[in-house]
Amino acid sequence: MLTLIAFIAALALLIAVHEYGHYRVAVACGVKVLRFSIGFGKPIWRRQSVSGTEFVVAALPFGGYVRMLDEREGPVPVDERHRAFNNQSLGKRTAIVAAGPAANLLLAILLYALVAWTGVQAPKPIISQPTAGSLADQAGLRGGDWILATQSMGGGSRSLASFDDLRWRLTRSTLDGQDLILHVGDASGQVTRQVVLPLSVLPIREADSQLFERIGLVSPWTAPEVGNLLPGGVAEAAGLRPGDKVLSVNDVAVADGQQLRTLIRAGVSESGQAIAQRWLLEREGQIVSIDVLPSPERVGDAWVGRIGAYIGAAPDMVTVTFGPLEGIWHGMVRTWEVSALTVRMLFRMLTGEASLKNLSGPITIADYAGQSASLGLTSYLLFLALISVSLGVLNLLPLPVLDGGHLMYYLWEAVTGRPVSDLWMDRLQRGGMVLLLGLMSLAIFNDVARLLG
């Protein structure tokens, strides 16, 4: 139920903002708006304004529209022709069409700024033990390293506020094919060394779920402690207790919770046979040795070990906040970065450099809406900001049925001095509709494949 409510609320807000952008600028340009609709189909609520605009909420919430007075759609009284959309100047028509995507981008800026002003709890940029053989491992990074700042090759350094910031910059640098310099320091804020991550050698340029495993920086640092135990699980049977600090597994020193989870997962053979492990623990000031036999579990095409316990203490957290102007600037920068990343990913999918499996549809979005809402208001606001950016950018694509398609028509008119002919307009609209339906079908197929997978 939470997922459904969060999804519908997100759709309603983002569509309303988008259409209000069109509506507000149309009114400001002197165009008469006949109907402002959130959703399609049969109206379930309507209200007539003094200006003559009918405001409607329809049964199907997957979209919306602003219907303006237009001689191409029906007869227009002579005394109102000056208020028809088709009779407006090229500049006004362009502004009205561009206002919808612009409203979504402005909403994203506001949401990012709101989160920045109120503050968000995030893990400190202290890294866990890098995955063995990964880029981070080969570069010499170790569990517990505090990343104070990052620096692109040839650019200036930028301080890090949280581990989330580090993940974002790793993602951007990887997709840009650029190496990244990490400034490693201590808790006092002093840089002790610099490490170059050769992200440009990664063969794949897409932000999939395996990206951080290939880089080797999967999670923030956590103490290698045993948390809550599942009744009847391996951990309980072996005699482990909440609060036990794991020092080593089979004489391999354990640096943090991430490394301990990796060792547990490796506690089975390729054929699914459990491999006995000897754990050396610190418990209430005493050193204790315990034998643990992980339980094999099939995950995809491989066997992994489980022990039925939460592993790793909570990471060290920091509250990241910004001042009034800093928050606005942060919102603008983050909106620009997410927009640029969205465009790059779309281009890479178009050219075959990135998989079309990255395309998500309404099922995945609804799932993310529910997950973010369950984590709290801050997570939900960040989700709304991300989707608002995506909606704004996607609507600017030069597809004839989208706002970007109409802007493409106006560009042609500005260059040639004449509008696109009705014949070509009809052809382009039909072709754009076919392409859009194809993309939507692919996105829904990916959603279903994720559910079944």
Protein backbone atom coordinates (compact mmCIF):
# COMPACT_ATOMS: atom_id res chain seq x y z
CA MET A 1 0.00 0.00 0.00
CA LEU A 2 2.86 2.38 0.84
CA THR A 3 4.42 1.72 -2.57
CA LEU A 4 1.15 2.53 -4.37
CA ILE A 5 0.52 5.70 -2.36
CA ALA A 6 4.12 6.92 -2.78
CA PHE A 7 4.03 6.20 -6.52
CA ILE A 8 0.70 7.98 -7.13
CA ALA A 9 1.77 10.95 -5.00
CA ALA A 10 5.03 11.24 -6.95
CA LEU A 11 3.24 11.03 -10.30
CA ALA A 12 0.64 13.59 -9.29
CA LEU A 13 3.22 16.09 -8.04
CA LEU A 14 5.62 15.77 -10.97
CA ILE A 15 2.88 15.88 -13.61
CA ALA A 16 1.15 18.83 -11.90
CA VAL A 17 4.40 20.80 -11.77
CA HIS A 18 5.19 20.01 -15.41
CA GLU A 19 1.76 21.03 -16.68
CA TYR A 20 1.64 24.08 -14.41
CA GLY A 21 4.83 25.28 -16.09
CA HIS A 22 3.06 25.18 -19.47
CA TYR A 23 -0.09 26.76 -17.99
CA ARG A 24 1.61 29.59 -16.11
CA VAL A 25 3.73 30.74 -19.05
CA ALA A 26 0.80 30.38 -21.47
CA VAL A 27 -1.31 32.69 -19.30
CA ALA A 28 1.62 35.11 -18.98
CA CYS A 29 1.90 35.18 -22.79
CA GLY A 30 -1.80 35.99 -23.17
CA VAL A 31 -2.92 32.56 -24.41
CA LYS A 32 -6.33 31.30 -23.33
CA VAL A 33 -6.13 27.94 -21.56
CA LEU A 34 -9.23 25.80 -21.99
CA ARG A 35 -8.34 22.86 -19.77
CA PHE A 36 -5.63 21.95 -17.25
CA SER A 37 -5.76 18.19 -16.70
CA ILE A 38 -3.86 15.87 -14.38
CA GLY A 39 -4.34 12.42 -15.87
CA PHE A 40 -6.31 11.12 -18.83
CA GLY A 41 -9.72 9.57 -19.31
CA LYS A 42 -12.91 10.24 -17.39
CA PRO A 43 -12.71 13.24 -15.03
CA ILE A 44 -13.18 12.38 -11.34
CA TRP A 45 -12.95 16.03 -10.21
CA ARG A 46 -13.34 19.32 -12.07
CA ARG A 47 -13.58 23.03 -11.35
CA GLN A 48 -14.17 26.01 -13.63
CA SER A 49 -12.08 29.12 -12.92
CA VAL A 50 -13.19 32.72 -13.44
CA SER A 51 -10.83 33.00 -16.43
CA GLY A 52 -12.63 30.11 -18.14
CA THR A 53 -10.01 27.41 -17.57
CA GLU A 54 -11.39 24.02 -16.56
CA PHE A 55 -9.18 22.28 -13.97
CA VAL A 56 -9.55 18.50 -14.07
CA VAL A 57 -8.25 15.41 -12.26
CA ALA A 58 -8.85 12.36 -14.45
CA ALA A 59 -9.00 8.65 -13.69
CA LEU A 60 -5.72 7.57 -15.33
CA PRO A 61 -2.84 9.39 -13.60
CA PHE A 62 -0.14 8.50 -16.16
CA GLY A 63 0.32 11.97 -17.64
CA GLY A 64 -1.53 15.22 -18.11
CA TYR A 65 -2.05 18.06 -20.56
CA VAL A 66 -2.83 21.74 -20.98
CA ARG A 67 -5.35 22.40 -23.77
CA MET A 68 -5.03 25.89 -25.19
CA LEU A 69 -7.16 27.85 -27.62
CA ASP A 70 -5.82 26.90 -31.06
CA GLU A 71 -7.27 27.39 -34.56
CA ARG A 72 -5.77 24.05 -35.64
CA GLU A 73 -8.02 22.21 -33.18
CA GLY A 74 -11.32 23.97 -33.76
CA PRO A 75 -13.10 27.21 -34.67
CA VAL A 76 -11.95 30.28 -32.75
CA PRO A 77 -14.11 33.43 -32.44
CA VAL A 78 -12.68 36.41 -34.26
CA ASP A 79 -12.43 38.46 -31.08
CA GLU A 80 -10.28 35.74 -29.42
CA ARG A 81 -7.91 34.88 -32.23
CA HIS A 82 -5.20 36.97 -30.62
CA ARG A 83 -5.38 34.59 -27.63
CA ALA A 84 -4.93 31.42 -29.74
CA PHE A 85 -1.66 29.54 -29.29
CA ASN A 86 -1.00 29.20 -33.02
CA ASN A 87 -1.16 32.98 -33.47
CA GLN A 88 1.57 33.70 -30.94
CA SER A 89 5.10 34.71 -31.87
CA LEU A 90 7.78 32.05 -32.22
CA GLY A 91 9.40 33.23 -29.00
CA LYS A 92 6.19 32.90 -27.00
CA ARG A 93 5.37 29.45 -28.38
CA THR A 94 8.89 28.29 -27.59
CA ALA A 95 8.67 29.65 -24.04
CA ILE A 96 5.31 27.93 -23.41
CA VAL A 97 6.54 24.55 -24.64
CA ALA A 98 9.89 24.76 -22.81
CA ALA A 99 8.20 25.80 -19.54
CA GLY A 100 7.05 22.26 -18.68
CA PRO A 101 10.51 20.63 -18.61
CA ALA A 102 11.93 23.79 -17.03
CA ALA A 103 9.39 23.52 -14.20
CA ASN A 104 10.52 19.96 -13.47
CA LEU A 105 14.17 21.02 -13.38
CA LEU A 106 13.32 23.94 -11.08
CA LEU A 107 11.42 21.55 -8.80
CA ALA A 108 14.49 19.30 -8.65
CA ILE A 109 16.66 22.27 -7.67
CA LEU A 110 14.21 23.17 -4.91
CA LEU A 111 14.01 19.58 -3.60
CA TYR A 112 17.80 19.14 -3.56
CA ALA A 113 18.12 22.52 -1.85
CA LEU A 114 15.45 21.61 0.72
CA VAL A 115 17.32 18.44 1.65
CA ALA A 116 20.56 20.45 1.82
CA TRP A 117 18.99 23.03 4.13
CA THR A 118 17.38 20.55 6.51
CA GLY A 119 20.43 18.29 6.58
CA VAL A 120 20.81 14.62 5.82
CA GLN A 121 22.48 11.83 7.77
CA ALA A 122 25.09 10.06 5.65
CA PRO A 123 28.08 7.78 6.29
CA LYS A 124 31.46 9.47 6.59
CA PRO A 125 33.73 8.98 3.55
CA ILE A 126 35.68 6.21 5.26
CA ILE A 127 36.05 3.22 2.95
CA SER A 128 35.73 -0.48 3.68
CA GLN A 129 38.37 -3.00 2.67
CA PRO A 130 38.51 -2.91 -1.16
CA THR A 131 37.50 -6.01 -3.04
CA ALA A 132 40.53 -8.20 -3.66
CA GLY A 133 42.08 -7.55 -7.08
CA SER A 134 39.90 -4.49 -7.73
CA LEU A 135 41.13 -1.10 -8.92
CA ALA A 136 41.05 0.28 -5.39
CA ASP A 137 42.95 -2.72 -4.02
CA GLN A 138 45.63 -2.48 -6.71
CA ALA A 139 45.91 1.27 -6.13
CA GLY A 140 46.82 0.64 -2.49
CA LEU A 141 43.64 1.72 -0.71
CA ARG A 142 42.84 -0.10 2.51
CA GLY A 143 39.88 -0.46 4.82
CA GLY A 144 39.61 2.51 7.18
CA ASP A 145 41.12 5.03 4.74
CA TRP A 146 39.38 8.40 5.10
CA ILE A 147 38.85 10.06 1.69
CA LEU A 148 38.95 13.79 2.32
CA ALA A 149 38.72 15.05 -1.25
CA THR A 150 38.73 14.00 -4.90
CA GLN A 151 40.41 15.56 -7.89
CA SER A 152 39.91 14.93 -11.60
CA MET A 153 43.01 14.74 -13.73
CA GLY A 154 44.10 18.28 -14.51
CA GLY A 155 41.39 19.81 -12.27
CA GLY A 156 41.18 21.19 -8.76
CA SER A 157 40.38 19.16 -5.66
CA ARG A 158 36.89 19.09 -4.15
CA SER A 159 36.27 18.14 -0.53
CA LEU A 160 33.97 15.26 0.34
CA ALA A 161 31.12 15.58 2.83
CA SER A 162 30.03 11.93 2.89
CA PHE A 163 30.47 8.47 1.41
CA ASP A 164 27.47 9.19 -0.83
CA ASP A 165 29.43 12.08 -2.37
CA LEU A 166 32.31 9.70 -3.04
CA ARG A 167 30.03 7.21 -4.81
CA TRP A 168 28.57 9.99 -6.96
CA ARG A 169 31.99 11.24 -8.06
CA LEU A 170 33.18 7.70 -8.77
CA THR A 171 30.10 7.19 -10.95
CA ARG A 172 30.61 10.41 -12.90
CA SER A 173 34.33 9.84 -13.45
CA THR A 174 33.74 6.26 -14.58
CA LEU A 175 31.09 7.26 -17.11
CA ASP A 176 33.33 10.10 -18.32
CA GLY A 177 36.23 7.67 -18.69
CA GLN A 178 38.44 9.81 -16.43
CA ASP A 179 40.90 8.77 -13.74
CA LEU A 180 40.25 10.15 -10.26
CA ILE A 181 42.74 11.26 -7.63
CA LEU A 182 41.71 10.49 -4.03
CA HIS A 183 43.16 12.58 -1.20
CA VAL A 184 43.48 10.18 1.73
CA GLY A 185 43.86 11.56 5.22
CA ASP A 186 43.15 11.08 8.89
CA ALA A 187 40.43 12.13 11.30
CA SER A 188 42.16 15.48 11.90
CA GLY A 189 41.62 16.43 8.28
CA GLN A 190 45.27 16.23 7.25
CA VAL A 191 46.03 14.68 3.86
CA THR A 192 48.56 11.89 4.27
CA ARG A 193 48.80 10.60 0.70
CA GLN A 194 47.23 10.73 -2.75
CA VAL A 195 45.95 7.68 -4.64
CA VAL A 196 45.11 7.58 -8.34
CA LEU A 197 42.16 5.38 -9.31
CA PRO A 198 42.57 4.47 -13.02
CA LEU A 199 38.84 4.46 -13.76
CA SER A 200 39.52 5.03 -17.45
CA VAL A 201 40.64 1.38 -17.80
CA LEU A 202 37.19 0.04 -16.97
CA PRO A 203 35.86 -1.46 -20.21
CA ILE A 204 32.18 -0.70 -19.54
CA ARG A 205 30.80 2.81 -19.25
CA GLU A 206 27.50 2.25 -17.50
CA ALA A 207 26.32 2.72 -13.91
CA ASP A 208 25.06 -0.80 -13.27
CA SER A 209 24.88 -2.66 -9.97
CA GLN A 210 28.35 -4.13 -10.50
CA LEU A 211 30.14 -0.80 -10.97
CA PHE A 212 31.36 -0.35 -7.41
CA GLU A 213 32.41 -3.98 -7.14
CA ARG A 214 34.66 -3.50 -10.16
CA ILE A 215 36.06 -0.33 -8.61
CA GLY A 216 36.35 -2.11 -5.26
CA LEU A 217 34.63 0.48 -3.06
CA VAL A 218 31.34 -1.15 -2.15
CA SER A 219 30.39 0.31 1.22
CA PRO A 220 31.56 2.64 4.00
CA TRP A 221 33.75 1.30 6.77
CA THR A 222 32.03 -0.59 9.58
CA ALA A 223 33.52 -2.40 12.55
CA PRO A 224 33.73 -6.22 11.99
CA GLU A 225 31.16 -7.01 14.68
CA VAL A 226 28.37 -9.55 14.91
CA GLY A 227 24.91 -8.02 15.19
CA ASN A 228 21.50 -9.58 15.78
CA LEU A 229 21.24 -13.34 15.27
CA LEU A 230 18.47 -15.20 13.45
CA PRO A 231 16.89 -17.90 15.63
CA GLY A 232 18.10 -21.32 14.61
CA GLY A 233 20.77 -19.93 12.28
CA VAL A 234 24.39 -20.95 11.86
CA ALA A 235 25.67 -18.07 14.00
CA GLU A 236 23.46 -19.00 16.94
CA ALA A 237 24.36 -22.68 16.66
CA ALA A 238 28.10 -21.87 16.56
CA GLY A 239 27.86 -19.84 19.77
CA LEU A 240 28.33 -16.36 18.32
CA ARG A 241 26.89 -13.45 20.29
CA PRO A 242 25.83 -9.93 19.35
CA GLY A 243 28.75 -7.58 19.95
CA ASP A 244 31.47 -10.12 19.18
CA LYS A 245 34.34 -8.39 17.35
CA VAL A 246 35.90 -10.65 14.72
CA LEU A 247 39.69 -10.45 14.59
CA SER A 248 40.42 -13.10 11.96
CA VAL A 249 38.87 -15.86 9.86
CA ASN A 250 41.12 -18.86 9.10
CA ASP A 251 44.12 -16.72 10.16
CA VAL A 252 43.14 -13.93 7.71
CA ALA A 253 43.03 -10.63 9.62
CA VAL A 254 39.63 -8.93 9.32
CA ALA A 255 39.73 -5.17 8.76
CA ASP A 256 36.04 -4.33 8.65
CA GLY A 257 32.49 -5.57 8.22
CA GLN A 258 32.64 -5.61 4.41
CA GLN A 259 35.67 -7.91 4.41
CA LEU A 260 33.98 -10.18 6.96
CA ARG A 261 30.88 -10.45 4.78
CA THR A 262 33.10 -11.34 1.81
CA LEU A 263 34.85 -14.08 3.81
CA ILE A 264 31.50 -15.52 4.92
CA ARG A 265 30.21 -15.56 1.34
CA ALA A 266 33.39 -17.41 0.31
CA GLY A 267 32.75 -20.10 2.92
CA VAL A 268 31.38 -22.58 0.36
CA SER A 269 32.94 -24.44 -2.56
CA GLU A 270 31.89 -24.03 -6.20
CA SER A 271 29.83 -27.21 -5.84
CA GLY A 272 27.95 -25.81 -2.84
CA GLN A 273 29.79 -27.64 -0.05
CA ALA A 274 30.27 -25.69 3.19
CA ILE A 275 33.86 -24.90 4.18
CA ALA A 276 34.65 -24.83 7.91
CA GLN A 277 36.01 -21.53 9.23
CA ARG A 278 37.84 -20.78 12.46
CA TRP A 279 36.92 -17.38 13.82
CA LEU A 280 39.07 -15.52 16.35
CA LEU A 281 36.90 -13.14 18.38
CA GLU A 282 37.23 -10.47 21.02
CA ARG A 283 34.39 -10.87 23.55
CA GLU A 284 34.20 -8.80 26.72
CA GLY A 285 37.96 -8.33 26.73
CA GLN A 286 38.69 -12.01 26.14
CA ILE A 287 39.99 -13.74 23.00
CA VAL A 288 37.68 -16.55 21.92
CA SER A 289 38.06 -19.10 19.10
CA ILE A 290 34.89 -20.50 17.47
CA ASP A 291 34.32 -22.85 14.54
CA VAL A 292 31.71 -21.62 12.04
CA LEU A 293 30.27 -23.64 9.14
CA PRO A 294 28.48 -21.25 6.73
CA SER A 295 25.21 -22.46 5.25
CA PRO A 296 25.32 -22.72 1.42
CA GLU A 297 22.76 -20.66 -0.49
CA ARG A 298 22.26 -20.41 -4.23
CA VAL A 299 22.38 -16.83 -5.53
CA GLY A 300 22.10 -16.61 -9.30
CA ASP A 301 24.70 -18.89 -10.83
CA ALA A 302 26.91 -19.18 -7.75
CA TRP A 303 26.89 -20.58 -4.23
CA VAL A 304 27.48 -18.21 -1.30
CA GLY A 305 27.81 -18.73 2.42
CA ARG A 306 25.33 -17.40 5.02
CA ILE A 307 25.45 -17.54 8.81
CA GLY A 308 22.10 -16.03 9.80
CA ALA A 309 23.36 -12.89 11.49
CA TYR A 310 23.69 -9.18 10.79
CA ILE A 311 27.36 -8.46 10.11
CA GLY A 312 29.03 -5.12 10.71
CA ALA A 313 28.32 -2.30 13.12
CA ALA A 314 26.57 0.86 11.93
CA PRO A 315 28.93 3.16 9.98
CA ASP A 316 30.10 6.46 11.42
CA MET A 317 27.57 9.08 10.35
CA VAL A 318 27.76 12.80 9.68
CA THR A 319 25.00 15.38 9.20
CA VAL A 320 25.52 17.22 5.93
CA THR A 321 23.88 20.67 5.87
CA PHE A 322 24.19 23.81 3.74
CA GLY A 323 23.37 27.47 4.27
CA PRO A 324 20.60 29.29 2.31
CA LEU A 325 22.69 30.30 -0.71
CA GLU A 326 24.92 27.22 -0.54
CA GLY A 327 21.81 25.03 -0.56
CA ILE A 328 20.47 26.68 -3.72
CA TRP A 329 23.84 26.34 -5.41
CA HIS A 330 24.06 22.70 -4.32
CA GLY A 331 20.60 22.10 -5.80
CA MET A 332 21.59 23.72 -9.09
CA VAL A 333 24.86 21.79 -9.32
CA ARG A 334 23.27 18.45 -8.45
CA THR A 335 20.42 19.01 -10.94
CA TRP A 336 22.91 19.86 -13.67
CA GLU A 337 25.07 16.81 -12.84
CA VAL A 338 22.10 14.42 -12.83
CA SER A 339 20.80 15.95 -16.08
CA ALA A 340 24.18 15.56 -17.78
CA LEU A 341 24.50 11.99 -16.50
CA THR A 342 21.01 11.15 -17.81
CA VAL A 343 21.84 12.54 -21.26
CA ARG A 344 25.15 10.64 -21.38
CA MET A 345 23.48 7.38 -20.41
CA LEU A 346 20.76 7.85 -23.04
CA PHE A 347 23.40 8.57 -25.68
CA ARG A 348 25.41 5.50 -24.70
CA MET A 349 22.32 3.31 -24.87
CA LEU A 350 21.56 4.77 -28.31
CA THR A 351 25.08 4.07 -29.58
CA GLY A 352 25.27 0.62 -27.98
CA GLU A 353 27.95 1.54 -25.44
CA ALA A 354 25.52 0.89 -22.58
CA SER A 355 22.89 -1.82 -22.26
CA LEU A 356 19.23 -1.04 -22.92
CA LYS A 357 18.57 -2.99 -19.73
CA ASN A 358 19.32 0.28 -17.89
CA LEU A 359 15.99 1.64 -19.15
CA SER A 360 13.40 1.46 -16.35
CA GLY A 361 9.63 1.69 -16.49
CA PRO A 362 6.73 2.38 -14.13
CA ILE A 363 7.09 -0.86 -12.15
CA THR A 364 10.69 -0.12 -11.16
CA ILE A 365 9.86 3.53 -10.45
CA ALA A 366 6.95 2.48 -8.23
CA ASP A 367 9.23 0.07 -6.38
CA TYR A 368 11.82 2.79 -5.79
CA ALA A 369 9.06 5.17 -4.66
CA GLY A 370 7.93 2.70 -2.01
CA GLN A 371 11.47 1.92 -0.86
CA SER A 372 12.44 5.59 -0.57
CA ALA A 373 9.21 6.46 1.28
CA SER A 374 9.83 3.64 3.77
CA LEU A 375 13.27 5.11 4.53
CA GLY A 376 11.86 8.51 5.48
CA LEU A 377 11.00 11.93 4.09
CA THR A 378 14.57 12.82 3.08
CA SER A 379 14.98 9.70 0.94
CA TYR A 380 11.59 10.30 -0.67
CA LEU A 381 12.46 13.92 -1.49
CA LEU A 382 15.72 12.80 -3.12
CA PHE A 383 13.76 10.22 -5.12
CA LEU A 384 11.31 12.93 -6.27
CA ALA A 385 14.22 15.17 -7.28
CA LEU A 386 15.82 12.39 -9.33
CA ILE A 387 12.58 11.52 -11.13
CA SER A 388 11.80 15.21 -11.70
CA VAL A 389 15.18 15.66 -13.41
CA SER A 390 14.57 12.56 -15.52
CA LEU A 391 11.11 13.80 -16.53
CA GLY A 392 12.46 17.21 -17.47
CA VAL A 393 15.35 15.81 -19.51
CA LEU A 394 13.29 13.12 -21.26
CA ASN A 395 10.67 15.67 -22.30
CA LEU A 396 13.39 17.70 -23.99
CA LEU A 397 14.38 14.79 -26.24
CA PRO A 398 13.71 15.65 -29.91
CA LEU A 399 10.87 13.15 -30.28
CA PRO A 400 7.88 14.67 -32.13
CA VAL A 401 5.32 13.71 -29.45
CA LEU A 402 7.37 15.27 -26.65
CA ASP A 403 8.07 18.91 -25.80
CA GLY A 404 11.52 18.52 -27.33
CA GLY A 405 9.90 17.55 -30.63
CA HIS A 406 7.87 20.75 -30.71
CA LEU A 407 11.00 22.75 -29.90
CA MET A 408 12.64 20.96 -32.85
CA TYR A 409 9.78 22.22 -35.07
CA TYR A 410 10.32 25.76 -33.80
CA LEU A 411 14.04 25.51 -34.48
CA TRP A 412 13.23 24.55 -38.07
CA GLU A 413 10.86 27.53 -38.28
CA ALA A 414 13.51 29.87 -36.86
CA VAL A 415 16.11 28.68 -39.39
CA THR A 416 13.92 28.47 -42.52
CA GLY A 417 11.39 31.16 -41.74
CA ARG A 418 8.43 28.83 -42.29
CA PRO A 419 6.69 26.26 -40.07
CA VAL A 420 6.78 22.51 -40.62
CA SER A 421 4.07 21.51 -43.11
CA ASP A 422 0.96 19.71 -41.89
CA LEU A 423 1.94 16.64 -43.92
CA TRP A 424 5.35 16.33 -42.32
CA MET A 425 3.92 17.21 -38.92
CA ASP A 426 1.52 14.26 -39.21
CA ARG A 427 4.28 11.89 -40.36
CA LEU A 428 6.63 12.92 -37.59
CA GLN A 429 3.92 12.65 -34.95
CA ARG A 430 3.07 9.11 -36.07
CA GLY A 431 6.72 8.08 -36.18
CA GLY A 432 7.39 9.61 -32.79
CA MET A 433 4.42 7.82 -31.27
CA VAL A 434 5.66 4.47 -32.60
CA LEU A 435 9.15 5.11 -31.23
CA LEU A 436 7.82 6.25 -27.86
CA LEU A 437 5.57 3.20 -27.54
CA GLY A 438 8.55 1.01 -28.40
CA LEU A 439 10.65 2.60 -25.66
CA MET A 440 7.82 2.24 -23.16
CA SER A 441 7.38 -1.43 -24.09
CA LEU A 442 11.11 -2.04 -23.65
CA ALA A 443 11.09 -0.30 -20.27
CA ILE A 444 8.16 -2.40 -19.05
CA PHE A 445 9.85 -5.56 -20.39
CA ASN A 446 12.97 -4.67 -18.37
CA ASP A 447 10.80 -4.15 -15.29
CA VAL A 448 9.19 -7.58 -15.65
CA ALA A 449 12.58 -9.20 -16.31
CA ARG A 450 13.94 -7.68 -13.09
CA LEU A 451 10.95 -9.01 -11.14
CA LEU A 452 11.30 -12.51 -12.59
CA GLY A 453 15.07 -12.47 -12.22
